[in-house]
Each structure stands twice: as C-alpha cells, then as structure tokens.
Amino acid sequence: MRIRMLVEMPEGATRNGVPWPAKGEAVDLPTAEAAHLVAAGVAEEATDEDDAQAPAEAKSRRRKAADTEGEAP
C-alpha cells in the first residue's frame, strides 16, 4: 500500500534500519502497517497520481466533532 507521510518522524527513527520518509514523501509499505499509520493519522493513502499533486502539507485533515446529542452533561 502506498502512503504519504503527514508528520515528520523523530530524528533517528528508522523502519527496518532505513530512515522514515520526510513529511509529504510517499512510500510503499505492507498493507497492515500502512493501514495502521493511516488510522493513527500519521500518514494518508497515496496513489501515483497524488505524487504529481500538491504536498500533503497543503491538504487539511480534521477530525469530525463527536455527536453529543442525547448525552447527559
């Protein structure tokens, strides 16, 4: 699965001895590992078309507010 990093990993962080890609760069990872990073908000799914578009920093990602209707304060 191809993903694009949304954050800069800590200095010195590696995956199997290889430094993580920089923020905005894409990388191919095993599906389970890539899906975990996407779910955690560390990366987003990328395609070959995305590589030609604006960097991830230009995209805004925001979580939806929880629906609290019907809940007691």
Protein backbone atom coordinates (compact mmCIF):
# COMPACT_ATOMS: atom_id res chain seq x y z
CA MET A 1 0.00 0.00 0.00
CA ARG A 2 1.35 3.41 -0.91
CA ILE A 3 1.13 6.10 1.77
CA ARG A 4 2.26 9.71 2.17
CA MET A 5 3.67 10.84 5.49
CA LEU A 6 1.71 13.61 7.22
CA VAL A 7 4.22 14.13 10.03
CA GLU A 8 7.98 14.24 10.42
CA MET A 9 9.17 11.23 12.39
CA PRO A 10 11.58 11.86 15.28
CA GLU A 11 15.24 12.28 14.35
CA GLY A 12 16.94 8.91 14.15
CA ALA A 13 13.67 6.94 13.79
CA THR A 14 14.03 4.04 11.38
CA ARG A 15 11.93 1.22 9.93
CA ASN A 16 13.96 -1.95 9.43
CA GLY A 17 17.15 0.12 9.60
CA VAL A 18 16.01 2.62 6.95
CA PRO A 19 15.10 6.22 7.90
CA TRP A 20 11.41 7.14 7.56
CA PRO A 21 10.46 9.31 4.58
CA ALA A 22 10.17 13.04 5.24
CA LYS A 23 6.81 14.73 5.74
CA GLY A 24 4.99 14.82 2.38
CA GLU A 25 7.00 11.98 0.82
CA ALA A 26 5.37 8.74 -0.31
CA VAL A 27 6.48 5.18 0.42
CA ASP A 28 5.21 1.65 -0.25
CA LEU A 29 4.62 -0.43 2.89
CA PRO A 30 2.89 -3.72 3.70
CA THR A 31 -0.88 -3.16 3.82
CA ALA A 32 -1.32 -3.85 7.54
CA GLU A 33 1.49 -1.49 8.55
CA ALA A 34 0.33 1.24 6.15
CA ALA A 35 -3.29 0.94 7.33
CA HIS A 36 -2.14 1.31 10.94
CA LEU A 37 -0.25 4.53 10.12
CA VAL A 38 -3.27 5.91 8.22
CA ALA A 39 -5.63 5.06 11.10
CA ALA A 40 -3.26 6.76 13.54
CA GLY A 41 -3.24 9.94 11.44
CA VAL A 42 0.48 9.70 10.76
CA ALA A 43 0.01 9.08 7.03
CA GLU A 44 -2.60 9.12 4.28
CA GLU A 45 -3.17 6.71 1.42
CA ALA A 46 -1.39 7.88 -1.73
CA THR A 47 -1.58 6.96 -5.38
CA ASP A 48 0.79 7.58 -8.27
CA GLU A 49 -1.49 10.47 -9.34
CA ASP A 50 -1.11 12.04 -5.89
CA ASP A 51 2.66 12.19 -6.31
CA ALA A 52 2.23 14.82 -9.03
CA GLN A 53 -0.13 16.96 -6.92
CA ALA A 54 0.48 19.38 -4.05
CA PRO A 55 2.35 18.12 -0.97
CA ALA A 56 0.39 16.73 1.97
CA GLU A 57 1.02 19.91 3.96
CA ALA A 58 -1.37 21.79 1.65
CA LYS A 59 -4.18 19.35 2.46
CA SER A 60 -6.21 19.97 5.57
CA ARG A 61 -7.23 16.97 7.68
CA ARG A 62 -9.57 17.44 10.58
CA ARG A 63 -11.49 15.01 12.76
CA LYS A 64 -15.25 15.31 12.90
CA ALA A 65 -16.67 16.51 16.20
CA ALA A 66 -18.37 13.78 18.20
CA ASP A 67 -22.17 13.82 18.17
CA THR A 68 -23.11 14.50 21.80
CA GLU A 69 -26.85 14.84 21.24
CA GLY A 70 -28.82 12.96 23.85
CA GLU A 71 -25.93 12.61 26.29
CA ALA A 72 -26.20 13.94 29.84
CA PRO A 73 -23.70 16.67 30.77
